Protein backbone atom coordinates (compact mmCIF):
# COMPACT_ATOMS: atom_id res chain seq x y z
CA MET A 1 241.99 89.64 -73.93
CA SER A 2 240.36 90.46 -70.68
CA LYS A 3 239.43 87.14 -68.50
CA ALA A 4 236.95 89.57 -66.47
CA THR A 5 233.70 89.40 -68.12
CA ARG A 6 230.17 89.89 -66.80
CA ALA A 7 229.89 86.34 -66.95
CA THR A 8 233.19 85.08 -64.58
CA ARG A 9 231.91 87.93 -62.28
CA MET A 10 228.56 86.33 -61.99
CA LEU A 11 229.94 82.84 -61.44
CA GLU A 12 232.38 84.42 -58.96
CA THR A 13 229.78 86.51 -57.29
CA ALA A 14 227.74 82.74 -57.37
CA LYS A 15 231.07 81.28 -56.02
CA ILE A 16 230.95 79.01 -58.85
CA ALA A 17 234.16 76.65 -59.11
CA PHE A 18 235.22 77.30 -62.55
CA THR A 19 238.04 77.83 -64.59
CA VAL A 20 239.04 80.32 -67.72
CA HIS A 21 240.25 78.96 -71.18
CA SER A 22 241.44 81.04 -74.03
CA TYR A 23 241.56 80.13 -77.47
CA ALA A 24 242.11 81.26 -80.90
CA TYR A 25 239.04 82.41 -82.04
CA ASP A 26 238.28 81.50 -85.83
CA PRO A 27 235.29 84.38 -87.15
CA ASP A 28 235.47 82.33 -90.48
CA ALA A 29 234.47 79.13 -88.80
CA ASP A 30 231.70 77.20 -90.04
CA ALA A 31 230.41 76.40 -86.30
CA ILE A 32 231.60 78.28 -83.54
CA GLY A 33 231.43 75.87 -81.31
CA LEU A 34 232.76 72.97 -83.19
CA GLN A 35 236.17 75.22 -83.18
CA ALA A 36 236.05 76.30 -79.68
CA ALA A 37 235.71 72.27 -79.16
CA GLU A 38 238.89 71.26 -81.61
CA ALA A 39 240.88 74.05 -80.41
CA LEU A 40 240.38 73.33 -76.56
CA GLY A 41 240.98 69.61 -77.63
CA GLU A 42 237.74 68.74 -76.09
CA PRO A 43 235.03 66.75 -77.43
CA PRO A 44 231.84 68.47 -78.31
CA ALA A 45 229.32 67.12 -76.25
CA ARG A 46 231.64 69.15 -73.54
CA VAL A 47 231.68 72.31 -74.98
CA LEU A 48 228.39 73.80 -75.11
CA LYS A 49 226.65 76.65 -77.60
CA THR A 50 224.09 79.39 -76.27
CA LEU A 51 221.60 79.76 -78.54
CA MET A 52 219.44 82.81 -78.46
CA ALA A 53 216.07 81.64 -79.41
CA LYS A 54 212.29 83.11 -79.10
CA VAL A 55 209.28 81.04 -77.77
CA ASP A 56 206.17 82.52 -78.59
CA GLY A 57 207.73 85.50 -79.17
CA LYS A 58 209.65 85.87 -75.62
CA PRO A 59 213.54 84.98 -75.47
CA VAL A 60 214.82 81.95 -74.41
CA LEU A 61 218.33 80.26 -74.23
CA ALA A 62 219.27 77.25 -75.39
CA ILE A 63 222.35 75.24 -73.87
CA LEU A 64 223.60 72.32 -75.95
CA PRO A 65 226.08 69.91 -77.01
CA SER A 66 227.96 72.19 -80.01
CA ASP A 67 227.89 69.11 -82.05
CA ARG A 68 223.75 68.94 -82.04
CA GLN A 69 221.19 71.22 -83.52
CA VAL A 70 217.87 71.94 -81.34
CA ALA A 71 214.74 70.77 -82.07
CA MET A 72 212.33 73.94 -81.80
CA LYS A 73 209.67 71.81 -80.54
CA LYS A 74 211.08 70.52 -77.63
CA LEU A 75 212.33 73.99 -76.86
CA ALA A 76 209.04 75.50 -76.86
CA ALA A 77 207.51 72.43 -74.85
CA ALA A 78 210.13 72.90 -72.44
CA VAL A 79 209.41 76.31 -71.20
CA GLY A 80 205.65 76.00 -71.76
CA GLY A 81 205.03 77.41 -75.40
CA LYS A 82 203.86 76.08 -78.78
CA SER A 83 206.28 77.08 -81.10
CA ALA A 84 210.42 78.47 -80.76
CA GLU A 85 212.65 80.33 -83.59
CA MET A 86 216.05 81.44 -83.45
CA MET A 87 216.66 85.08 -82.80
CA LYS A 88 217.95 87.32 -85.19
CA PRO A 89 221.77 87.70 -84.38
CA ALA A 90 221.60 91.64 -84.27
CA ASP A 91 218.80 90.93 -81.94
CA ALA A 92 220.64 88.55 -79.91
CA GLU A 93 223.72 90.83 -79.12
CA ARG A 94 221.44 93.60 -78.10
CA LEU A 95 219.41 91.79 -75.63
CA SER A 96 222.15 89.92 -74.26
CA GLY A 97 224.79 92.60 -74.50
CA TYR A 98 227.64 89.89 -75.93
CA LYS A 99 228.36 89.62 -79.23
CA VAL A 100 227.50 86.76 -81.47
CA GLY A 101 230.22 84.04 -80.80
CA GLY A 102 231.26 85.36 -77.47
CA ILE A 103 227.11 84.81 -76.13
CA SER A 104 227.60 84.00 -72.23
CA PRO A 105 224.30 82.42 -70.71
CA PHE A 106 225.83 83.93 -67.80
CA GLY A 107 225.51 87.76 -67.14
CA GLN A 108 223.35 88.64 -69.40
CA MET A 109 221.83 92.12 -69.44
CA LYS A 110 218.47 90.51 -68.35
CA ALA A 111 217.71 86.90 -66.81
CA LEU A 112 216.22 84.81 -69.55
CA PRO A 113 214.84 81.14 -69.12
CA ALA A 114 217.29 78.83 -69.69
CA VAL A 115 216.91 75.25 -70.83
CA ILE A 116 219.75 73.09 -70.92
CA GLU A 117 220.27 69.40 -73.23
CA GLU A 118 219.84 66.86 -70.74
CA THR A 119 222.65 64.82 -71.84
CA ALA A 120 225.08 67.49 -70.76
CA ILE A 121 224.33 67.32 -66.93
CA SER A 122 225.73 63.84 -67.18
CA GLU A 123 229.25 64.89 -68.08
CA PRO A 124 232.22 65.42 -65.52
CA TYR A 125 232.56 69.04 -66.60
CA VAL A 126 231.18 71.13 -69.56
CA PHE A 127 232.69 74.47 -71.33
CA ILE A 128 230.72 77.69 -71.62
CA ASN A 129 231.47 80.32 -73.17
CA GLY A 130 232.89 83.32 -70.92
CA GLY A 131 231.51 86.21 -72.38
CA GLN A 132 233.94 87.14 -75.15
CA ARG A 133 235.24 85.53 -78.10
CA GLY A 134 237.76 82.71 -77.54
CA LEU A 135 236.62 82.43 -74.04
CA GLN A 136 235.25 79.53 -72.42
CA VAL A 137 234.82 78.75 -68.67
CA ARG A 138 234.72 75.34 -67.62
CA LEU A 139 232.81 74.19 -65.02
CA ALA A 140 230.21 71.67 -63.64
CA PRO A 141 226.93 71.26 -65.81
CA GLN A 142 225.05 70.99 -62.47
CA ASP A 143 226.62 74.53 -60.98
CA ALA A 144 225.63 75.94 -64.05
CA ALA A 145 221.97 74.71 -64.24
CA ASN A 146 221.57 75.94 -60.71
CA LEU A 147 222.80 79.18 -61.42
CA LEU A 148 220.49 79.73 -64.45
CA ARG A 149 217.78 78.51 -62.75
CA ALA A 150 218.30 76.25 -66.20
CA THR A 151 215.26 73.65 -67.13
CA VAL A 152 217.24 70.30 -67.87
CA THR A 153 215.46 68.30 -70.49
CA GLY A 154 216.13 67.05 -74.03
CA ILE A 155 216.17 69.96 -76.56
CA ILE A 156 218.14 68.01 -79.18
CA ALA A 157 217.17 67.08 -82.83
């Protein structure tokens, strides 16, 4: 598995301190983020999942703890929209340039508005997908928020 991805290159270019962590990705896992947390030996609150959604028809990234669900109304409100829905997996792959299970908010084909769940910011560090199935990057949550120019607010159900 290559540890150089568009995501890791974006972090390096931005001079963000991070480490790369690989784990055995299970394509049959019920919840990819929870499987990653277990494989890494980390609490789910520190292993963030990246969801691709549409708010009023426009793509948005929702980044939240792997054991939580996104509240669509809160996500829509966070970016000044009225309604939100999950993006179809094929559309998420085409738009991000990553495969489902390996979608990173970093190094996407086009910069998208991002919203990070506010509780994640209080963690000393978080893991976020590194742009490949079975690859996570560990970094300070505020560094991730700053790099993505993310809105930090409550978006969990």
